[in-house]
């Protein structure tokens, strides 16, 4: 694993952990995770092998990532902040699902690069997975599924928020103690 692999994995974990306190959902907040996985895909994904059981492996990993991402998105609270901007606040379940996905990929990468390559090779042969490229595609597309699933849910939930009241109206309501 390279330094950039660690940075991407830690960065993806940090993105959700930052939302435990609450984080504004800006355009950049939606784009950053997509940029991170797009960079990883451009760097490592050289195609999707289809021989043997390569495609089922990739499909299963992608679907698992999407399920984790959708779950994380559904268990993240989305509300309007005082300034009218949408704010996401990840709960424990959302953070756990996100960390489970990223952590699983990180653990697999560490295992594969620190002695687990023979066991992965035996598993691959036994299950008709024909190349290491299948594992790379599975991990990258799992990350894409997770990021896109979570981002899509948060975007839909953000768009469904009631329109923000003008700041002047909010100030008057707070001054008079009513809501």
N, C-alpha and C. Protein backbone atom coordinates (compact mmCIF):
# COMPACT_ATOMS: atom_id res chain seq x y z
N UNK A 1 0.84 -1.19 0.00
CA UNK A 1 0.00 0.00 0.00
C UNK A 1 0.88 1.24 0.00
N UNK A 2 0.46 2.21 -0.77
CA UNK A 2 1.22 3.45 -0.85
C UNK A 2 0.65 4.47 0.14
N UNK A 3 1.38 5.54 0.32
CA UNK A 3 0.94 6.61 1.20
C UNK A 3 -0.41 7.17 0.74
N UNK A 4 -0.59 7.29 -0.57
CA UNK A 4 -1.86 7.83 -1.09
C UNK A 4 -3.02 6.90 -0.76
N UNK A 5 -2.79 5.58 -0.72
CA UNK A 5 -3.85 4.64 -0.34
C UNK A 5 -4.31 4.91 1.09
N UNK A 6 -3.34 5.09 1.98
CA UNK A 6 -3.67 5.39 3.37
C UNK A 6 -4.41 6.72 3.49
N UNK A 7 -3.93 7.72 2.77
CA UNK A 7 -4.54 9.06 2.83
C UNK A 7 -5.99 9.01 2.37
N UNK A 8 -6.26 8.30 1.28
CA UNK A 8 -7.63 8.20 0.77
C UNK A 8 -8.53 7.49 1.78
N UNK A 9 -8.07 6.36 2.32
CA UNK A 9 -8.89 5.62 3.28
C UNK A 9 -9.14 6.43 4.55
N UNK A 10 -8.11 7.05 5.07
CA UNK A 10 -8.27 7.86 6.28
C UNK A 10 -9.14 9.09 5.97
N UNK A 11 -8.96 9.66 4.80
CA UNK A 11 -9.78 10.82 4.40
C UNK A 11 -11.26 10.47 4.31
N UNK A 12 -11.57 9.30 3.76
CA UNK A 12 -12.97 8.88 3.66
C UNK A 12 -13.58 8.63 5.04
N UNK A 13 -12.79 8.07 5.95
CA UNK A 13 -13.28 7.88 7.32
C UNK A 13 -13.49 9.24 7.98
N UNK A 14 -12.54 10.14 7.82
CA UNK A 14 -12.64 11.47 8.44
C UNK A 14 -13.86 12.24 7.96
N UNK A 15 -14.23 12.07 6.69
CA UNK A 15 -15.38 12.80 6.15
C UNK A 15 -16.66 12.53 6.94
N UNK A 16 -16.86 11.28 7.34
CA UNK A 16 -18.05 10.95 8.10
C UNK A 16 -17.87 11.28 9.58
N UNK A 17 -16.67 11.04 10.10
CA UNK A 17 -16.45 11.34 11.51
C UNK A 17 -16.62 12.84 11.78
N UNK A 18 -16.28 13.68 10.80
CA UNK A 18 -16.51 15.12 10.94
C UNK A 18 -18.00 15.44 11.05
N UNK A 19 -18.84 14.60 10.44
CA UNK A 19 -20.27 14.86 10.47
C UNK A 19 -20.94 14.42 11.76
N UNK A 20 -20.20 13.78 12.66
CA UNK A 20 -20.79 13.41 13.94
C UNK A 20 -21.16 14.68 14.71
N UNK A 21 -20.37 15.72 14.58
CA UNK A 21 -20.68 17.00 15.21
C UNK A 21 -21.66 17.82 14.38
N UNK A 22 -21.80 17.49 13.14
CA UNK A 22 -22.64 18.25 12.21
C UNK A 22 -21.76 19.02 11.25
N UNK A 23 -22.10 18.92 9.97
CA UNK A 23 -21.29 19.57 8.94
C UNK A 23 -22.21 20.10 7.85
N UNK A 24 -21.93 21.31 7.40
CA UNK A 24 -22.73 21.90 6.32
C UNK A 24 -22.58 21.06 5.06
N UNK A 25 -23.70 20.86 4.36
CA UNK A 25 -23.69 20.10 3.11
C UNK A 25 -23.55 21.08 1.95
N UNK A 26 -22.34 21.42 1.68
CA UNK A 26 -22.02 22.31 0.57
C UNK A 26 -21.75 21.48 -0.68
N UNK A 27 -21.61 22.14 -1.79
CA UNK A 27 -21.25 21.45 -3.02
C UNK A 27 -19.95 20.69 -2.82
N UNK A 28 -18.98 21.32 -2.16
CA UNK A 28 -17.69 20.68 -1.92
C UNK A 28 -17.84 19.44 -1.04
N UNK A 29 -18.73 19.49 -0.06
CA UNK A 29 -18.95 18.34 0.81
C UNK A 29 -19.48 17.14 0.02
N UNK A 30 -20.26 17.40 -1.02
CA UNK A 30 -20.75 16.32 -1.88
C UNK A 30 -19.66 15.85 -2.86
N UNK A 31 -18.85 16.78 -3.34
CA UNK A 31 -17.87 16.45 -4.38
C UNK A 31 -16.60 15.79 -3.84
N UNK A 32 -16.15 16.15 -2.65
CA UNK A 32 -14.87 15.65 -2.15
C UNK A 32 -14.80 14.12 -2.11
N UNK A 33 -15.79 13.41 -1.54
CA UNK A 33 -15.69 11.95 -1.55
C UNK A 33 -15.68 11.37 -2.97
N UNK A 34 -16.45 12.00 -3.86
CA UNK A 34 -16.47 11.53 -5.25
C UNK A 34 -15.12 11.75 -5.92
N UNK A 35 -14.48 12.87 -5.63
CA UNK A 35 -13.16 13.16 -6.19
C UNK A 35 -12.14 12.15 -5.67
N UNK A 36 -12.21 11.81 -4.37
CA UNK A 36 -11.27 10.85 -3.80
C UNK A 36 -11.38 9.48 -4.47
N UNK A 37 -12.60 8.98 -4.62
CA UNK A 37 -12.74 7.65 -5.23
C UNK A 37 -12.49 7.71 -6.74
N UNK A 38 -12.79 8.82 -7.37
CA UNK A 38 -12.48 8.95 -8.80
C UNK A 38 -10.97 8.94 -9.02
N UNK A 39 -10.23 9.60 -8.13
CA UNK A 39 -8.77 9.58 -8.24
C UNK A 39 -8.25 8.15 -8.06
N UNK A 40 -8.78 7.44 -7.06
CA UNK A 40 -8.36 6.05 -6.84
C UNK A 40 -8.68 5.19 -8.06
N UNK A 41 -9.86 5.39 -8.64
CA UNK A 41 -10.24 4.62 -9.83
C UNK A 41 -9.31 4.93 -11.00
N UNK A 42 -9.01 6.19 -11.21
CA UNK A 42 -8.12 6.57 -12.31
C UNK A 42 -6.72 5.99 -12.10
N UNK A 43 -6.31 5.87 -10.85
CA UNK A 43 -4.98 5.38 -10.55
C UNK A 43 -4.87 3.86 -10.62
N UNK A 44 -5.92 3.15 -10.21
CA UNK A 44 -5.81 1.70 -10.03
C UNK A 44 -6.72 0.86 -10.92
N UNK A 45 -7.85 1.39 -11.34
CA UNK A 45 -8.82 0.59 -12.08
C UNK A 45 -8.46 0.60 -13.56
N UNK A 46 -8.11 -0.57 -14.08
CA UNK A 46 -7.70 -0.67 -15.48
C UNK A 46 -8.66 -1.53 -16.27
N UNK A 47 -9.87 -1.62 -15.83
CA UNK A 47 -10.86 -2.44 -16.49
C UNK A 47 -11.55 -3.34 -15.48
N UNK A 48 -12.62 -3.96 -15.93
CA UNK A 48 -13.37 -4.88 -15.07
C UNK A 48 -13.32 -6.25 -15.72
N UNK A 49 -12.53 -7.15 -15.14
CA UNK A 49 -12.43 -8.49 -15.71
C UNK A 49 -13.77 -9.22 -15.64
N UNK A 50 -14.04 -10.04 -16.64
CA UNK A 50 -15.33 -10.74 -16.69
C UNK A 50 -15.18 -12.26 -16.77
N UNK A 51 -13.95 -12.75 -16.77
CA UNK A 51 -13.75 -14.20 -16.86
C UNK A 51 -14.09 -14.87 -15.52
N UNK A 52 -14.37 -16.15 -15.57
CA UNK A 52 -14.64 -16.90 -14.34
C UNK A 52 -15.71 -16.23 -13.49
N UNK A 53 -15.43 -16.10 -12.21
CA UNK A 53 -16.35 -15.44 -11.29
C UNK A 53 -15.91 -14.02 -10.94
N UNK A 54 -15.12 -13.41 -11.82
CA UNK A 54 -14.66 -12.05 -11.58
C UNK A 54 -15.82 -11.06 -11.51
N UNK A 55 -16.71 -11.14 -12.46
CA UNK A 55 -17.83 -10.19 -12.50
C UNK A 55 -18.77 -10.36 -11.30
N UNK A 56 -19.13 -11.58 -10.89
CA UNK A 56 -19.94 -11.71 -9.66
C UNK A 56 -19.24 -11.12 -8.43
N UNK A 57 -17.91 -11.29 -8.33
CA UNK A 57 -17.16 -10.70 -7.22
C UNK A 57 -17.29 -9.18 -7.23
N UNK A 58 -17.09 -8.58 -8.40
CA UNK A 58 -17.18 -7.13 -8.53
C UNK A 58 -18.60 -6.65 -8.23
N UNK A 59 -19.60 -7.37 -8.75
CA UNK A 59 -21.00 -6.98 -8.52
C UNK A 59 -21.36 -7.08 -7.04
N UNK A 60 -20.92 -8.13 -6.38
CA UNK A 60 -21.21 -8.30 -4.95
C UNK A 60 -20.54 -7.21 -4.12
N UNK A 61 -19.31 -6.89 -4.43
CA UNK A 61 -18.61 -5.83 -3.71
C UNK A 61 -19.26 -4.47 -3.95
N UNK A 62 -19.63 -4.20 -5.19
CA UNK A 62 -20.29 -2.93 -5.52
C UNK A 62 -21.62 -2.81 -4.80
N UNK A 63 -22.41 -3.88 -4.82
CA UNK A 63 -23.71 -3.87 -4.13
C UNK A 63 -23.53 -3.73 -2.62
N UNK A 64 -22.51 -4.37 -2.07
CA UNK A 64 -22.24 -4.24 -0.63
C UNK A 64 -21.88 -2.80 -0.28
N UNK A 65 -21.04 -2.19 -1.09
CA UNK A 65 -20.68 -0.79 -0.87
C UNK A 65 -21.89 0.13 -0.97
N UNK A 66 -22.72 -0.11 -1.98
CA UNK A 66 -23.92 0.72 -2.14
C UNK A 66 -24.85 0.56 -0.95
N UNK A 67 -25.02 -0.67 -0.46
CA UNK A 67 -25.90 -0.90 0.70
C UNK A 67 -25.36 -0.19 1.93
N UNK A 68 -24.04 -0.26 2.15
CA UNK A 68 -23.45 0.44 3.29
C UNK A 68 -23.61 1.95 3.15
N UNK A 69 -23.40 2.47 1.93
CA UNK A 69 -23.54 3.90 1.70
C UNK A 69 -24.96 4.39 1.89
N UNK A 70 -25.93 3.65 1.34
CA UNK A 70 -27.34 4.03 1.51
C UNK A 70 -27.71 3.96 2.99
N UNK A 71 -27.26 2.91 3.67
CA UNK A 71 -27.53 2.80 5.11
C UNK A 71 -26.95 3.97 5.89
N UNK A 72 -25.72 4.35 5.55
CA UNK A 72 -25.09 5.49 6.22
C UNK A 72 -25.86 6.78 5.92
N UNK A 73 -26.31 6.93 4.68
CA UNK A 73 -27.09 8.13 4.33
C UNK A 73 -28.43 8.20 5.05
N UNK A 74 -29.09 7.05 5.15
CA UNK A 74 -30.41 7.01 5.81
C UNK A 74 -30.31 7.23 7.32
N UNK A 75 -29.17 6.91 7.91
CA UNK A 75 -29.01 7.07 9.35
C UNK A 75 -28.23 8.33 9.71
N UNK A 76 -28.14 9.24 8.76
CA UNK A 76 -27.55 10.56 8.98
C UNK A 76 -28.69 11.58 9.01
N UNK A 77 -28.75 12.36 10.07
CA UNK A 77 -29.78 13.39 10.19
C UNK A 77 -29.42 14.56 9.26
N UNK A 78 -30.42 15.07 8.56
CA UNK A 78 -30.23 16.22 7.68
C UNK A 78 -31.25 17.27 8.10
N UNK A 79 -30.77 18.47 8.40
CA UNK A 79 -31.66 19.57 8.83
C UNK A 79 -31.12 20.88 8.28
N UNK A 80 -31.92 21.90 8.41
CA UNK A 80 -31.47 23.25 8.03
C UNK A 80 -30.74 23.86 9.21
N UNK A 81 -29.60 24.48 8.92
CA UNK A 81 -28.88 25.22 9.94
C UNK A 81 -29.49 26.60 10.11
N UNK A 82 -28.99 27.35 11.05
CA UNK A 82 -29.50 28.69 11.32
C UNK A 82 -29.41 29.60 10.10
N UNK A 83 -28.41 29.37 9.27
CA UNK A 83 -28.22 30.21 8.08
C UNK A 83 -28.99 29.68 6.87
N UNK A 84 -29.77 28.61 7.06
CA UNK A 84 -30.56 28.05 5.97
C UNK A 84 -29.85 26.96 5.18
N UNK A 85 -28.57 26.77 5.43
CA UNK A 85 -27.80 25.74 4.74
C UNK A 85 -28.12 24.38 5.35
N UNK A 86 -28.17 23.37 4.52
CA UNK A 86 -28.40 22.01 5.02
C UNK A 86 -27.19 21.56 5.83
N UNK A 87 -27.47 20.87 6.93
CA UNK A 87 -26.44 20.36 7.82
C UNK A 87 -26.68 18.86 8.01
N UNK A 88 -25.63 18.07 7.86
CA UNK A 88 -25.71 16.63 8.08
C UNK A 88 -25.04 16.31 9.40
N UNK A 89 -25.70 15.44 10.15
CA UNK A 89 -25.13 15.00 11.43
C UNK A 89 -25.23 13.48 11.46
N UNK A 90 -24.08 12.84 11.32
CA UNK A 90 -24.03 11.38 11.30
C UNK A 90 -24.20 10.84 12.71
N UNK A 91 -25.05 9.85 12.84
CA UNK A 91 -25.21 9.18 14.11
C UNK A 91 -24.23 8.02 14.21
N UNK A 92 -24.30 7.31 15.31
CA UNK A 92 -23.38 6.20 15.55
C UNK A 92 -23.53 5.11 14.49
N UNK A 93 -24.76 4.82 14.09
CA UNK A 93 -24.98 3.77 13.08
C UNK A 93 -24.41 4.20 11.74
N UNK A 94 -24.64 5.45 11.35
CA UNK A 94 -24.09 5.94 10.08
C UNK A 94 -22.57 5.86 10.07
N UNK A 95 -21.95 6.31 11.16
CA UNK A 95 -20.49 6.26 11.24
C UNK A 95 -19.99 4.83 11.23
N UNK A 96 -20.69 3.95 11.94
CA UNK A 96 -20.26 2.54 11.98
C UNK A 96 -20.36 1.88 10.61
N UNK A 97 -21.44 2.15 9.87
CA UNK A 97 -21.59 1.58 8.53
C UNK A 97 -20.49 2.09 7.60
N UNK A 98 -20.23 3.38 7.66
CA UNK A 98 -19.22 3.98 6.80
C UNK A 98 -17.84 3.41 7.13
N UNK A 99 -17.50 3.38 8.41
CA UNK A 99 -16.20 2.87 8.83
C UNK A 99 -16.09 1.37 8.52
N UNK A 100 -17.18 0.64 8.61
CA UNK A 100 -17.17 -0.78 8.25
C UNK A 100 -16.75 -0.96 6.80
N UNK A 101 -17.33 -0.17 5.90
CA UNK A 101 -16.98 -0.28 4.48
C UNK A 101 -15.54 0.11 4.21
N UNK A 102 -15.14 1.28 4.67
CA UNK A 102 -13.78 1.76 4.44
C UNK A 102 -12.79 0.87 5.18
N UNK A 103 -13.11 0.50 6.41
CA UNK A 103 -12.23 -0.34 7.21
C UNK A 103 -12.03 -1.72 6.62
N UNK A 104 -13.08 -2.28 6.04
CA UNK A 104 -12.97 -3.60 5.39
C UNK A 104 -12.01 -3.54 4.21
N UNK A 105 -12.14 -2.50 3.41
CA UNK A 105 -11.22 -2.35 2.27
C UNK A 105 -9.79 -2.15 2.75
N UNK A 106 -9.61 -1.33 3.76
CA UNK A 106 -8.27 -1.07 4.30
C UNK A 106 -7.67 -2.36 4.88
N UNK A 107 -8.47 -3.11 5.64
CA UNK A 107 -7.98 -4.37 6.22
C UNK A 107 -7.60 -5.35 5.12
N UNK A 108 -8.41 -5.45 4.07
CA UNK A 108 -8.09 -6.36 2.96
C UNK A 108 -6.78 -5.94 2.30
N UNK A 109 -6.61 -4.64 2.06
CA UNK A 109 -5.39 -4.17 1.42
C UNK A 109 -4.17 -4.47 2.29
N UNK A 110 -4.29 -4.25 3.59
CA UNK A 110 -3.18 -4.54 4.49
C UNK A 110 -2.87 -6.04 4.50
N UNK A 111 -3.91 -6.85 4.57
CA UNK A 111 -3.74 -8.30 4.57
C UNK A 111 -3.06 -8.76 3.27
N UNK A 112 -3.54 -8.24 2.15
CA UNK A 112 -2.99 -8.65 0.86
C UNK A 112 -1.53 -8.25 0.70
N UNK A 113 -1.14 -7.12 1.26
CA UNK A 113 0.24 -6.66 1.07
C UNK A 113 1.18 -7.11 2.18
N UNK A 114 0.66 -7.73 3.21
CA UNK A 114 1.51 -8.16 4.33
C UNK A 114 1.35 -9.65 4.64
N UNK A 115 1.40 -10.46 3.59
CA UNK A 115 1.44 -11.90 3.78
C UNK A 115 0.18 -12.67 3.43
N UNK A 116 -0.91 -12.00 3.21
CA UNK A 116 -2.16 -12.69 2.90
C UNK A 116 -2.34 -13.02 1.44
N UNK A 117 -1.39 -12.63 0.61
CA UNK A 117 -1.54 -12.82 -0.83
C UNK A 117 -1.68 -14.29 -1.22
N UNK A 118 -1.01 -15.19 -0.52
CA UNK A 118 -1.12 -16.62 -0.85
C UNK A 118 -2.51 -17.15 -0.51
N UNK A 119 -3.04 -16.76 0.62
CA UNK A 119 -4.38 -17.20 1.01
C UNK A 119 -5.42 -16.63 0.04
N UNK A 120 -5.25 -15.38 -0.36
CA UNK A 120 -6.17 -14.78 -1.32
C UNK A 120 -6.05 -15.51 -2.66
N UNK A 121 -4.83 -15.87 -3.03
CA UNK A 121 -4.62 -16.62 -4.27
C UNK A 121 -5.32 -17.98 -4.24
N UNK A 122 -5.21 -18.69 -3.11
CA UNK A 122 -5.90 -19.99 -2.99
C UNK A 122 -7.41 -19.81 -3.05
N UNK A 123 -7.91 -18.78 -2.37
CA UNK A 123 -9.36 -18.50 -2.41
C UNK A 123 -9.79 -18.20 -3.84
N UNK A 124 -9.00 -17.40 -4.53
CA UNK A 124 -9.32 -17.03 -5.91
C UNK A 124 -9.38 -18.24 -6.81
N UNK A 125 -8.42 -19.13 -6.69
CA UNK A 125 -8.41 -20.35 -7.51
C UNK A 125 -9.63 -21.20 -7.19
N UNK A 126 -9.90 -21.40 -5.90
CA UNK A 126 -11.03 -22.24 -5.48
C UNK A 126 -12.37 -21.68 -5.94
N UNK A 127 -12.46 -20.35 -6.11
CA UNK A 127 -13.73 -19.72 -6.48
C UNK A 127 -13.72 -19.14 -7.89
N UNK A 128 -12.75 -19.55 -8.68
CA UNK A 128 -12.68 -19.18 -10.11
C UNK A 128 -12.60 -17.67 -10.32
N UNK A 129 -11.85 -17.00 -9.46
CA UNK A 129 -11.55 -15.58 -9.65
C UNK A 129 -10.21 -15.56 -10.37
N UNK A 130 -10.18 -14.98 -11.57
CA UNK A 130 -9.06 -15.22 -12.47
C UNK A 130 -7.88 -14.27 -12.35
N UNK A 131 -8.04 -13.13 -11.68
CA UNK A 131 -6.91 -12.20 -11.63
C UNK A 131 -7.00 -11.28 -10.43
N UNK A 132 -5.86 -10.68 -10.11
CA UNK A 132 -5.85 -9.69 -9.03
C UNK A 132 -6.62 -8.44 -9.45
N UNK A 133 -6.73 -8.21 -10.75
CA UNK A 133 -7.50 -7.06 -11.24
C UNK A 133 -8.97 -7.15 -10.82
N UNK A 134 -9.47 -8.37 -10.66
CA UNK A 134 -10.86 -8.52 -10.19
C UNK A 134 -11.00 -7.99 -8.77
N UNK A 135 -9.99 -8.26 -7.93
CA UNK A 135 -10.02 -7.76 -6.55
C UNK A 135 -9.90 -6.24 -6.52
N UNK A 136 -9.03 -5.70 -7.37
CA UNK A 136 -8.87 -4.25 -7.45
C UNK A 136 -10.19 -3.61 -7.87
N UNK A 137 -10.79 -4.13 -8.93
CA UNK A 137 -12.06 -3.58 -9.41
C UNK A 137 -13.14 -3.70 -8.33
N UNK A 138 -13.16 -4.83 -7.64
CA UNK A 138 -14.17 -5.03 -6.59
C UNK A 138 -14.01 -3.99 -5.49
N UNK A 139 -12.79 -3.75 -5.05
CA UNK A 139 -12.56 -2.79 -3.96
C UNK A 139 -12.85 -1.35 -4.38
N UNK A 140 -12.40 -0.99 -5.59
CA UNK A 140 -12.63 0.38 -6.07
C UNK A 140 -14.12 0.62 -6.28
N UNK A 141 -14.81 -0.33 -6.92
CA UNK A 141 -16.23 -0.13 -7.18
C UNK A 141 -17.07 -0.27 -5.91
N UNK A 142 -16.57 -0.99 -4.91
CA UNK A 142 -17.23 -0.99 -3.60
C UNK A 142 -17.18 0.41 -3.01
N UNK A 143 -16.01 1.05 -3.10
CA UNK A 143 -15.87 2.42 -2.59
C UNK A 143 -16.79 3.37 -3.36
N UNK A 144 -16.83 3.23 -4.69
CA UNK A 144 -17.74 4.06 -5.49
C UNK A 144 -19.19 3.84 -5.05
N UNK A 145 -19.58 2.59 -4.88
CA UNK A 145 -20.95 2.29 -4.45
C UNK A 145 -21.27 2.93 -3.12
N UNK A 146 -20.32 2.86 -2.20
CA UNK A 146 -20.54 3.44 -0.87
C UNK A 146 -20.68 4.96 -0.95
N UNK A 147 -19.77 5.58 -1.66
CA UNK A 147 -19.79 7.05 -1.77
C UNK A 147 -21.02 7.53 -2.53
N UNK A 148 -21.31 6.90 -3.64
CA UNK A 148 -22.46 7.33 -4.45
C UNK A 148 -23.77 7.05 -3.71
N UNK A 149 -23.87 5.89 -3.05
CA UNK A 149 -25.08 5.58 -2.30
C UNK A 149 -25.35 6.59 -1.20
N UNK A 150 -24.34 6.89 -0.41
CA UNK A 150 -24.50 7.86 0.68
C UNK A 150 -24.77 9.26 0.14
N UNK A 151 -24.00 9.67 -0.85
CA UNK A 151 -24.17 11.01 -1.41
C UNK A 151 -25.56 11.19 -2.02
N UNK A 152 -26.05 10.18 -2.73
CA UNK A 152 -27.37 10.27 -3.36
C UNK A 152 -28.47 10.41 -2.31
N UNK A 153 -28.38 9.61 -1.25
CA UNK A 153 -29.40 9.70 -0.19
C UNK A 153 -29.35 11.08 0.47
N UNK A 154 -28.15 11.56 0.79
CA UNK A 154 -28.05 12.88 1.44
C UNK A 154 -28.52 13.99 0.51
N UNK A 155 -28.24 13.87 -0.78
CA UNK A 155 -28.69 14.88 -1.73
C UNK A 155 -30.22 14.91 -1.81
N UNK A 156 -30.85 13.75 -1.92
CA UNK A 156 -32.31 13.68 -1.97
C UNK A 156 -32.90 14.24 -0.68
N UNK A 157 -32.34 13.87 0.45
CA UNK A 157 -32.87 14.35 1.72
C UNK A 157 -32.66 15.86 1.87
N UNK A 158 -31.56 16.38 1.34
CA UNK A 158 -31.30 17.81 1.37
C UNK A 158 -32.31 18.55 0.50
N UNK A 159 -32.58 18.02 -0.68
CA UNK A 159 -33.53 18.67 -1.60
C UNK A 159 -34.95 18.64 -1.05
N UNK A 160 -35.27 17.67 -0.22
CA UNK A 160 -36.61 17.55 0.36
C UNK A 160 -36.83 18.42 1.60
N UNK A 161 -35.76 19.03 2.10
CA UNK A 161 -35.91 19.90 3.28
C UNK A 161 -36.86 21.05 2.95
N UNK A 162 -37.60 21.45 3.95
CA UNK A 162 -38.48 22.61 3.78
C UNK A 162 -37.61 23.82 3.47
N UNK A 163 -38.12 24.72 2.64
CA UNK A 163 -37.33 25.91 2.33
C UNK A 163 -37.01 26.68 3.61
N UNK A 164 -35.82 27.23 3.62
CA UNK A 164 -35.41 28.00 4.80
C UNK A 164 -36.18 29.30 4.88
N UNK A 165 -36.51 29.70 6.11
CA UNK A 165 -37.15 31.00 6.30
C UNK A 165 -36.09 32.08 6.17
N UNK A 166 -36.46 33.23 5.68
CA UNK A 166 -35.48 34.32 5.60
C UNK A 166 -34.90 34.60 6.99
N UNK A 167 -33.63 35.00 7.02
CA UNK A 167 -32.93 35.23 8.28
C UNK A 167 -33.66 36.29 9.12
N UNK A 168 -34.21 37.32 8.50
CA UNK A 168 -34.92 38.36 9.25
C UNK A 168 -36.13 37.77 9.96
N UNK A 169 -36.89 36.89 9.32
CA UNK A 169 -38.06 36.27 9.94
C UNK A 169 -37.60 35.39 11.10
N UNK A 170 -36.52 34.64 10.90
CA UNK A 170 -35.98 33.78 11.96
C UNK A 170 -35.59 34.61 13.17
N UNK A 171 -34.94 35.75 12.95
CA UNK A 171 -34.52 36.62 14.05
C UNK A 171 -35.72 37.15 14.83
N UNK A 172 -36.78 37.55 14.13
CA UNK A 172 -37.99 38.06 14.79
C UNK A 172 -38.63 36.94 15.62
N UNK A 173 -38.71 35.74 15.06
CA UNK A 173 -39.31 34.62 15.78
C UNK A 173 -38.50 34.28 17.03
N UNK A 174 -37.19 34.32 16.93
CA UNK A 174 -36.35 34.01 18.09
C UNK A 174 -36.50 35.10 19.14
N UNK A 175 -36.59 36.36 18.70
CA UNK A 175 -36.74 37.48 19.61
C UNK A 175 -38.03 37.38 20.40
N UNK A 176 -39.11 36.93 19.76
CA UNK A 176 -40.40 36.82 20.42
C UNK A 176 -40.59 35.46 21.09
N UNK A 177 -39.59 34.59 20.98
CA UNK A 177 -39.64 33.30 21.66
C UNK A 177 -40.61 32.30 21.06
N UNK A 178 -41.02 32.47 19.81
CA UNK A 178 -41.93 31.50 19.18
C UNK A 178 -41.27 30.85 18.00
N UNK A 179 -41.81 29.70 17.64
CA UNK A 179 -41.29 28.98 16.46
C UNK A 179 -42.43 28.38 15.73
